Amino acid sequence: MRRLDRYVIRQFLKSFLFAILAFSLIFIIVDMIENLDDFIDQNVGPHLIGLYYVYFLPRIFSLMVPVAMLLSALFVVGRLSNNNEMTIIKCAGVSLYRFMLPLLGIGLVVSLLMLGFDGWLVPRINAARINLEREHLKKHRAIGTRYNLFFQETDSRILTMEYFDEETGSGRRVKLQRFDKADPTVMLERLDAERMVWNEQNNNWMMYDGLRRRFISDSTVAVQQREQVGTFDSLAMDAMVVTPEVIIRMQQKPEEMELGDFRDYIERQRLAGSDIARLLVDYHGKIAFPFASLIVVFFGVPFASVKRRSGLAVQFGISILLLFIYLVSQKLSQIFGYNGNIHPLIAAWMPNLLFLLAGSIIMSRVQK
């Protein structure tokens, strides 16, 4: 490795560590001020507040890494340009492509690490943080029991239950309605049960103490004979998409799910006939966002290589402005993806593609 590479990498990593620590500290202070009333109202002790931010820190870290990467690229390369060091480097025969190679390498490594970090580790820690919020700050949903649940079980069946007990894996006052696939307005069957219990051995639901009603839509049958009513003490329900795990996961946020679990959850929702456009945008966004660290380096290096009469404050301001543009484009593309106006994959990757395009244009115009 050349001495120049070691020097640039060392300066870049110093700036990155400083930026990530500074931004994380600012984020924590702002969040603490925002949640101070909740901490006081719920009488949360200092140890729980500290534990909350220990759990919150990985999420903050994952959000701030692209910001720190961009600021580091702008600051390090901008300082070299303003001190005429970039001119000397180019005169020594080192092109801009060769100069930015180690920085792109760092960006790629960080992106791959953040993909694993965001995809598998952060969701586990987020789940612990959200559980702490539910238990001590009374936020989100209650633990253990879910009330008034409604599921699109398949494209022709609807399942409702008054409440579900997570510990026993059972639901109370359950209704399962089956409709005609050709005409969803026509109900073919309805099951009403006092309780429904998950059978771990057979991997199916058992309904107990219920009423079964079948409806015949044939107009040639007498009206009084179009409804058949029967009772049952127990009834096995096989081939149902909704399971206790699905019920629990449907109450979770995407940020609590690992990538593999999130993908399985989306597939179950698809089989149930639900609209999964929003979920797909969030899923692809979990993959696209870590690669922002690489994209912003590719954009920031040629952008900062042009000599400007500016100091650290201006470089910092430019970094914040570019970050704001990235976040706005991310939110706009998400909205279009949620509404089905563009493909979820494109919606998730559009901010990265825009910055990649902008970086390519700048690269083509600056002196190499």
Protein backbone atom coordinates (compact mmCIF):
# COMPACT_ATOMS: atom_id res chain seq x y z
CA MET A 1 0.00 0.00 0.00
CA ARG A 2 1.34 3.40 -0.94
CA ARG A 3 2.17 5.95 1.70
CA LEU A 4 -0.46 8.25 0.14
CA ASP A 5 -3.14 5.57 0.58
CA ARG A 6 -2.25 5.10 4.24
CA TYR A 7 -2.31 8.84 4.81
CA VAL A 8 -5.70 9.33 3.12
CA ILE A 9 -7.25 6.32 4.87
CA ARG A 10 -5.95 7.47 8.24
CA GLN A 11 -7.34 10.98 7.79
CA PHE A 12 -10.64 9.62 6.50
CA LEU A 13 -11.09 7.20 9.41
CA LYS A 14 -10.25 9.92 11.95
CA SER A 15 -12.87 12.21 10.44
CA PHE A 16 -15.37 9.35 10.24
CA LEU A 17 -15.00 8.38 13.91
CA PHE A 18 -15.26 11.99 15.02
CA ALA A 19 -18.36 12.56 12.87
CA ILE A 20 -20.14 9.39 13.96
CA LEU A 21 -19.53 10.16 17.64
CA ALA A 22 -20.57 13.80 17.29
CA PHE A 23 -23.74 13.07 15.32
CA SER A 24 -24.70 10.19 17.63
CA LEU A 25 -24.27 12.41 20.68
CA ILE A 26 -26.41 15.14 19.11
CA PHE A 27 -29.05 12.57 18.17
CA ILE A 28 -29.16 11.20 21.72
CA ILE A 29 -29.44 14.67 23.27
CA VAL A 30 -32.29 15.64 20.94
CA ASP A 31 -34.11 12.37 21.56
CA MET A 32 -33.63 12.66 25.32
CA ILE A 33 -35.15 16.15 25.31
CA GLU A 34 -38.06 14.87 23.23
CA ASN A 35 -38.72 11.92 25.55
CA LEU A 36 -38.01 13.72 28.82
CA ASP A 37 -41.70 14.20 29.59
CA ASP A 38 -42.38 10.49 29.05
CA PHE A 39 -39.48 9.51 31.30
CA ILE A 40 -40.78 11.78 34.06
CA ASP A 41 -44.45 10.81 33.65
CA GLN A 42 -43.67 7.09 33.80
CA ASN A 43 -41.16 7.56 36.65
CA VAL A 44 -38.38 5.88 34.70
CA GLY A 45 -35.12 5.59 36.65
CA PRO A 46 -31.67 6.62 35.38
CA HIS A 47 -30.60 2.98 34.89
CA LEU A 48 -33.55 2.32 32.57
CA ILE A 49 -32.89 5.53 30.66
CA GLY A 50 -29.29 4.44 30.23
CA LEU A 51 -30.40 0.96 29.12
CA TYR A 52 -32.85 2.53 26.66
CA TYR A 53 -30.08 4.50 24.95
CA VAL A 54 -27.75 1.50 24.97
CA TYR A 55 -30.45 -0.28 22.97
CA PHE A 56 -31.05 2.82 20.85
CA LEU A 57 -27.38 3.44 20.01
CA PRO A 58 -27.07 0.77 17.27
CA ARG A 59 -30.08 2.25 15.47
CA ILE A 60 -28.58 5.73 15.75
CA PHE A 61 -25.26 4.37 14.52
CA SER A 62 -26.85 2.77 11.44
CA LEU A 63 -28.61 6.04 10.57
CA MET A 64 -25.56 8.21 11.08
CA VAL A 65 -22.97 6.12 9.21
CA PRO A 66 -23.85 7.50 5.72
CA VAL A 67 -23.83 11.03 7.16
CA ALA A 68 -20.41 10.49 8.69
CA MET A 69 -19.09 8.93 5.47
CA LEU A 70 -20.26 11.90 3.42
CA LEU A 71 -18.88 14.46 5.85
CA SER A 72 -15.54 12.64 6.02
CA ALA A 73 -15.23 12.51 2.22
CA LEU A 74 -16.09 16.19 1.86
CA PHE A 75 -13.85 17.30 4.72
CA VAL A 76 -10.74 15.25 3.92
CA VAL A 77 -10.77 15.76 0.15
CA GLY A 78 -11.89 19.38 0.50
CA ARG A 79 -9.02 20.15 2.86
CA LEU A 80 -6.53 18.54 0.48
CA SER A 81 -7.94 20.62 -2.38
CA ASN A 82 -7.88 23.89 -0.45
CA ASN A 83 -4.27 23.26 0.62
CA ASN A 84 -3.31 22.55 -3.02
CA GLU A 85 -2.35 19.01 -2.01
CA MET A 86 -4.73 17.54 -4.60
CA THR A 87 -2.92 19.53 -7.29
CA ILE A 88 0.43 18.13 -6.14
CA ILE A 89 -1.01 14.59 -6.04
CA LYS A 90 -2.26 14.90 -9.61
CA CYS A 91 1.05 16.39 -10.77
CA ALA A 92 2.78 13.34 -9.27
CA GLY A 93 0.84 11.16 -11.71
CA VAL A 94 -1.92 9.97 -9.37
CA SER A 95 -5.29 10.34 -11.07
CA LEU A 96 -8.49 11.09 -9.23
CA TYR A 97 -9.65 7.53 -9.98
CA ARG A 98 -6.58 6.09 -8.28
CA PHE A 99 -6.83 8.55 -5.40
CA MET A 100 -10.42 7.65 -4.56
CA LEU A 101 -9.85 3.89 -4.87
CA PRO A 102 -9.01 3.29 -1.15
CA LEU A 103 -11.93 5.50 -0.08
CA LEU A 104 -14.30 3.51 -2.30
CA GLY A 105 -12.85 0.36 -0.77
CA ILE A 106 -13.68 1.66 2.71
CA GLY A 107 -17.16 2.59 1.51
CA LEU A 108 -17.74 -0.89 0.11
CA VAL A 109 -16.54 -2.61 3.29
CA VAL A 110 -18.65 -0.33 5.48
CA SER A 111 -21.70 -0.93 3.25
CA LEU A 112 -21.36 -4.71 3.48
CA LEU A 113 -20.82 -4.57 7.23
CA MET A 114 -23.82 -2.28 7.67
CA LEU A 115 -25.97 -4.61 5.56
CA GLY A 116 -25.34 -7.40 8.04
CA PHE A 117 -25.53 -5.02 10.99
CA ASP A 118 -28.84 -3.46 9.89
CA GLY A 119 -30.31 -6.69 8.57
CA TRP A 120 -29.74 -8.98 11.53
CA LEU A 121 -28.21 -7.36 14.61
CA VAL A 122 -30.07 -4.04 14.80
CA PRO A 123 -33.58 -5.63 14.59
CA ARG A 124 -32.82 -7.80 17.62
CA ILE A 125 -31.65 -4.80 19.63
CA ASN A 126 -34.57 -2.72 18.34
CA ALA A 127 -36.97 -5.41 19.60
CA ALA A 128 -35.41 -5.14 23.07
CA ARG A 129 -35.69 -1.34 22.98
CA ILE A 130 -39.31 -1.39 21.81
CA ASN A 131 -40.20 -3.96 24.49
CA LEU A 132 -38.68 -1.61 27.06
CA GLU A 133 -40.80 1.23 25.66
CA ARG A 134 -43.93 -0.92 25.85
CA GLU A 135 -43.25 -2.02 29.39
CA HIS A 136 -41.95 1.17 30.99
CA LEU A 137 -43.03 4.03 28.70
CA LYS A 138 -46.45 2.55 27.80
CA LYS A 139 -45.80 3.04 24.10
CA HIS A 140 -46.85 0.92 21.14
CA ARG A 141 -48.94 -2.16 21.84
CA ALA A 142 -49.55 -4.15 24.98
CA ILE A 143 -47.57 -7.36 25.54
CA GLY A 144 -49.24 -10.75 25.84
CA THR A 145 -52.79 -10.04 24.67
CA ARG A 146 -54.04 -8.61 21.38
CA TYR A 147 -57.58 -7.32 21.08
CA ASN A 148 -59.99 -7.05 18.13
CA LEU A 149 -57.80 -8.72 15.53
CA PHE A 150 -58.67 -8.93 11.85
CA PHE A 151 -56.83 -11.00 9.22
CA GLN A 152 -57.23 -11.53 5.50
CA GLU A 153 -56.54 -15.26 5.95
CA THR A 154 -56.52 -15.97 2.21
CA ASP A 155 -57.97 -14.15 -0.77
CA SER A 156 -61.35 -15.77 0.04
CA ARG A 157 -61.31 -16.10 3.86
CA ILE A 158 -61.43 -13.54 6.66
CA LEU A 159 -60.51 -14.38 10.25
CA THR A 160 -61.43 -12.24 13.23
CA MET A 161 -61.02 -12.80 16.96
CA GLU A 162 -61.97 -10.67 19.90
CA TYR A 163 -58.62 -11.24 21.55
CA PHE A 164 -55.56 -13.47 21.36
CA ASP A 165 -53.45 -14.67 24.29
CA GLU A 166 -49.81 -15.01 23.28
CA GLU A 167 -48.83 -17.20 26.25
CA THR A 168 -51.46 -19.90 25.62
CA GLY A 169 -51.62 -19.50 21.84
CA SER A 170 -55.39 -19.25 21.93
CA GLY A 171 -58.04 -16.87 20.67
CA ARG A 172 -61.52 -16.12 21.99
CA ARG A 173 -64.77 -15.41 20.16
CA VAL A 174 -63.43 -16.33 16.77
CA LYS A 175 -65.14 -15.88 13.41
CA LEU A 176 -63.98 -17.37 10.12
CA GLN A 177 -65.83 -16.35 6.96
CA ARG A 178 -65.32 -17.95 3.56
CA PHE A 179 -66.39 -16.19 0.37
CA ASP A 180 -66.84 -17.23 -3.23
CA LYS A 181 -63.59 -16.63 -5.16
CA ALA A 182 -65.55 -15.77 -8.30
CA ASP A 183 -67.75 -13.28 -6.43
CA PRO A 184 -66.22 -12.04 -3.15
CA THR A 185 -69.55 -10.48 -2.13
CA VAL A 186 -71.10 -13.94 -1.74
CA MET A 187 -70.48 -15.70 1.59
CA LEU A 188 -70.32 -19.48 1.37
CA GLU A 189 -69.56 -20.43 4.96
CA ARG A 190 -69.20 -18.92 8.40
CA LEU A 191 -67.71 -20.48 11.53
CA ASP A 192 -68.28 -18.96 14.97
CA ALA A 193 -66.32 -20.50 17.85
CA GLU A 194 -66.00 -19.60 21.49
CA ARG A 195 -62.28 -20.32 21.39
CA MET A 196 -59.53 -21.40 18.99
CA VAL A 197 -56.31 -23.06 20.21
CA TRP A 198 -53.09 -23.72 18.32
CA ASN A 199 -52.10 -27.41 18.24
CA GLU A 200 -48.30 -27.57 18.27
CA GLN A 201 -48.22 -31.28 17.47
CA ASN A 202 -50.30 -31.08 14.29
CA ASN A 203 -49.46 -27.46 13.40
CA ASN A 204 -53.09 -26.49 13.01
CA TRP A 205 -55.87 -24.64 14.79
CA MET A 206 -58.58 -26.36 16.81
CA MET A 207 -61.93 -24.60 17.14
CA TYR A 208 -64.13 -25.40 20.14
CA ASP A 209 -67.80 -24.84 21.04
CA GLY A 210 -68.87 -23.38 17.74
CA LEU A 211 -71.57 -22.88 15.18
CA ARG A 212 -71.11 -23.74 11.50
CA ARG A 213 -73.30 -22.11 8.85
CA ARG A 214 -73.20 -22.94 5.15
CA PHE A 215 -74.90 -20.77 2.53
CA ILE A 216 -76.13 -21.97 -0.85
CA SER A 217 -76.21 -19.30 -3.54
CA ASP A 218 -78.17 -21.43 -6.02
CA SER A 219 -81.37 -19.51 -6.80
CA THR A 220 -83.16 -22.75 -7.69
CA VAL A 221 -83.02 -23.83 -4.03
CA ALA A 222 -85.81 -22.68 -1.74
CA VAL A 223 -84.89 -19.64 0.36
CA GLN A 224 -85.50 -21.46 3.65
CA GLN A 225 -83.09 -24.21 2.55
CA ARG A 226 -80.21 -21.99 1.46
CA GLU A 227 -78.74 -21.85 4.97
CA GLN A 228 -77.53 -24.99 6.73
CA VAL A 229 -76.73 -24.63 10.42
CA GLY A 230 -74.84 -27.07 12.63
CA THR A 231 -72.90 -27.07 15.88
CA PHE A 232 -69.58 -28.65 16.78
CA ASP A 233 -67.64 -29.34 19.96
CA SER A 234 -64.26 -29.33 18.21
CA LEU A 235 -63.15 -28.76 14.65
CA ALA A 236 -59.65 -29.00 13.15
CA MET A 237 -58.72 -26.16 10.81
CA ASP A 238 -55.90 -27.17 8.46
CA ALA A 239 -54.04 -25.17 5.80
CA MET A 240 -54.46 -21.79 7.45
CA VAL A 241 -51.94 -19.07 6.72
CA VAL A 242 -52.44 -17.33 10.06
CA THR A 243 -50.48 -18.92 12.91
CA PRO A 244 -49.64 -17.62 16.41
CA GLU A 245 -46.22 -16.58 15.07
CA VAL A 246 -47.89 -14.64 12.27
CA ILE A 247 -50.24 -12.92 14.74
CA ILE A 248 -47.31 -11.85 16.91
CA ARG A 249 -45.21 -10.71 13.97
CA MET A 250 -48.09 -8.73 12.49
CA GLN A 251 -47.98 -6.58 15.61
CA GLN A 252 -44.27 -5.95 15.12
CA LYS A 253 -42.71 -3.14 13.19
CA PRO A 254 -40.41 -3.83 10.23
CA GLU A 255 -37.50 -2.44 12.25
CA GLU A 256 -37.96 -5.34 14.72
CA MET A 257 -37.66 -8.03 12.05
CA GLU A 258 -34.49 -9.54 10.68
CA LEU A 259 -34.22 -9.62 6.90
CA GLY A 260 -35.05 -13.32 6.62
CA ASP A 261 -38.04 -13.07 8.94
CA PHE A 262 -39.25 -9.96 7.17
CA ARG A 263 -39.09 -11.74 3.79
CA ASP A 264 -41.06 -14.72 5.18
CA TYR A 265 -43.61 -12.37 6.70
CA ILE A 266 -44.11 -10.62 3.35
CA GLU A 267 -44.62 -13.97 1.63
CA ARG A 268 -47.28 -14.96 4.17
CA GLN A 269 -49.01 -11.64 3.62
CA ARG A 270 -48.93 -12.23 -0.13
CA LEU A 271 -50.49 -15.67 0.27
CA ALA A 272 -53.17 -14.10 2.46
CA GLY A 273 -54.12 -11.75 -0.36
CA SER A 274 -52.88 -8.57 1.35
CA ASP A 275 -51.36 -5.59 -0.42
CA ILE A 276 -47.61 -6.00 0.12
CA ALA A 277 -46.34 -2.96 -1.82
CA ARG A 278 -45.52 -1.03 1.36
CA LEU A 279 -43.82 -4.03 2.93
CA LEU A 280 -41.71 -4.63 -0.19
CA VAL A 281 -40.57 -0.99 -0.21
CA ASP A 282 -39.47 -1.31 3.43
CA TYR A 283 -37.77 -4.65 2.75
CA HIS A 284 -35.77 -3.41 -0.23
CA GLY A 285 -35.04 -0.22 1.70
CA LYS A 286 -33.34 -2.30 4.40
CA ILE A 287 -30.96 -3.55 1.72
CA ALA A 288 -30.53 -0.30 -0.21
CA PHE A 289 -29.84 2.06 2.70
CA PRO A 290 -26.54 0.46 3.84
CA PHE A 291 -25.09 0.99 0.36
CA ALA A 292 -25.62 4.73 0.77
CA SER A 293 -22.23 4.72 2.52
CA LEU A 294 -20.55 3.69 -0.72
CA ILE A 295 -22.66 5.99 -2.92
CA VAL A 296 -21.99 9.13 -0.88
CA VAL A 297 -18.23 8.51 -1.03
CA PHE A 298 -18.43 8.13 -4.82
CA PHE A 299 -20.39 11.39 -4.93
CA GLY A 300 -18.42 13.30 -2.29
CA VAL A 301 -14.85 12.74 -3.45
CA PRO A 302 -15.12 14.31 -6.94
CA PHE A 303 -17.46 17.00 -5.56
CA ALA A 304 -14.91 18.05 -2.93
CA SER A 305 -11.87 17.67 -5.22
CA VAL A 306 -12.63 21.07 -6.81
CA LYS A 307 -10.84 23.81 -4.90
CA ARG A 308 -13.19 26.20 -3.12
CA ARG A 309 -12.64 29.08 -0.76
CA SER A 310 -14.44 27.47 2.13
CA GLY A 311 -13.68 26.17 5.57
CA LEU A 312 -14.93 23.42 7.82
CA ALA A 313 -18.22 25.18 8.52
CA VAL A 314 -19.07 25.34 4.82
CA GLN A 315 -18.13 21.69 4.29
CA PHE A 316 -20.34 20.79 7.23
CA GLY A 317 -23.21 22.83 5.82
CA ILE A 318 -22.85 21.20 2.41
CA SER A 319 -22.90 17.79 4.07
CA ILE A 320 -26.13 18.59 5.92
CA LEU A 321 -27.72 19.99 2.76
CA LEU A 322 -26.82 16.90 0.72
CA LEU A 323 -28.10 14.67 3.51
CA PHE A 324 -31.37 16.60 3.54
CA ILE A 325 -31.69 16.13 -0.23
CA TYR A 326 -31.02 12.40 0.16
CA LEU A 327 -33.62 11.99 2.91
CA VAL A 328 -36.23 13.99 0.98
CA SER A 329 -35.69 11.89 -2.13
CA GLN A 330 -35.89 8.77 0.00
CA LYS A 331 -39.23 9.79 1.52
CA LEU A 332 -40.67 10.84 -1.83
CA SER A 333 -39.68 7.58 -3.49
CA GLN A 334 -41.14 5.65 -0.55
CA ILE A 335 -44.46 7.44 -0.95
CA PHE A 336 -44.56 6.60 -4.66
CA GLY A 337 -43.67 3.01 -3.83
CA TYR A 338 -46.30 2.76 -1.07
CA ASN A 339 -48.96 4.02 -3.48
CA GLY A 340 -47.91 1.57 -6.16
CA ASN A 341 -46.88 4.29 -8.61
CA ILE A 342 -43.41 2.79 -9.05
CA HIS A 343 -41.98 -0.66 -8.43
CA PRO A 344 -40.94 -1.22 -4.76
CA LEU A 345 -37.39 -2.14 -5.79
CA ILE A 346 -37.00 1.11 -7.74
CA ALA A 347 -38.58 3.10 -4.91
CA ALA A 348 -36.04 1.72 -2.42
CA TRP A 349 -32.99 2.26 -4.64
CA MET A 350 -33.97 5.55 -6.28
CA PRO A 351 -32.08 7.87 -3.84
CA ASN A 352 -28.91 5.82 -4.28
CA LEU A 353 -29.33 5.80 -8.05
CA LEU A 354 -29.84 9.57 -8.12
CA PHE A 355 -26.69 10.22 -6.09
CA LEU A 356 -24.79 7.69 -8.20
CA LEU A 357 -25.89 9.52 -11.34
CA ALA A 358 -24.97 12.90 -9.83
CA GLY A 359 -21.57 11.54 -8.82
CA SER A 360 -20.98 10.19 -12.33
CA ILE A 361 -21.84 13.58 -13.86
CA ILE A 362 -19.51 15.42 -11.48
CA MET A 363 -16.77 12.86 -12.09
CA SER A 364 -17.04 13.39 -15.84
CA ARG A 365 -16.60 17.15 -15.46
CA VAL A 366 -13.82 17.54 -12.90
CA GLN A 367 -10.17 17.42 -13.77
CA LYS A 368 -8.80 13.91 -13.29
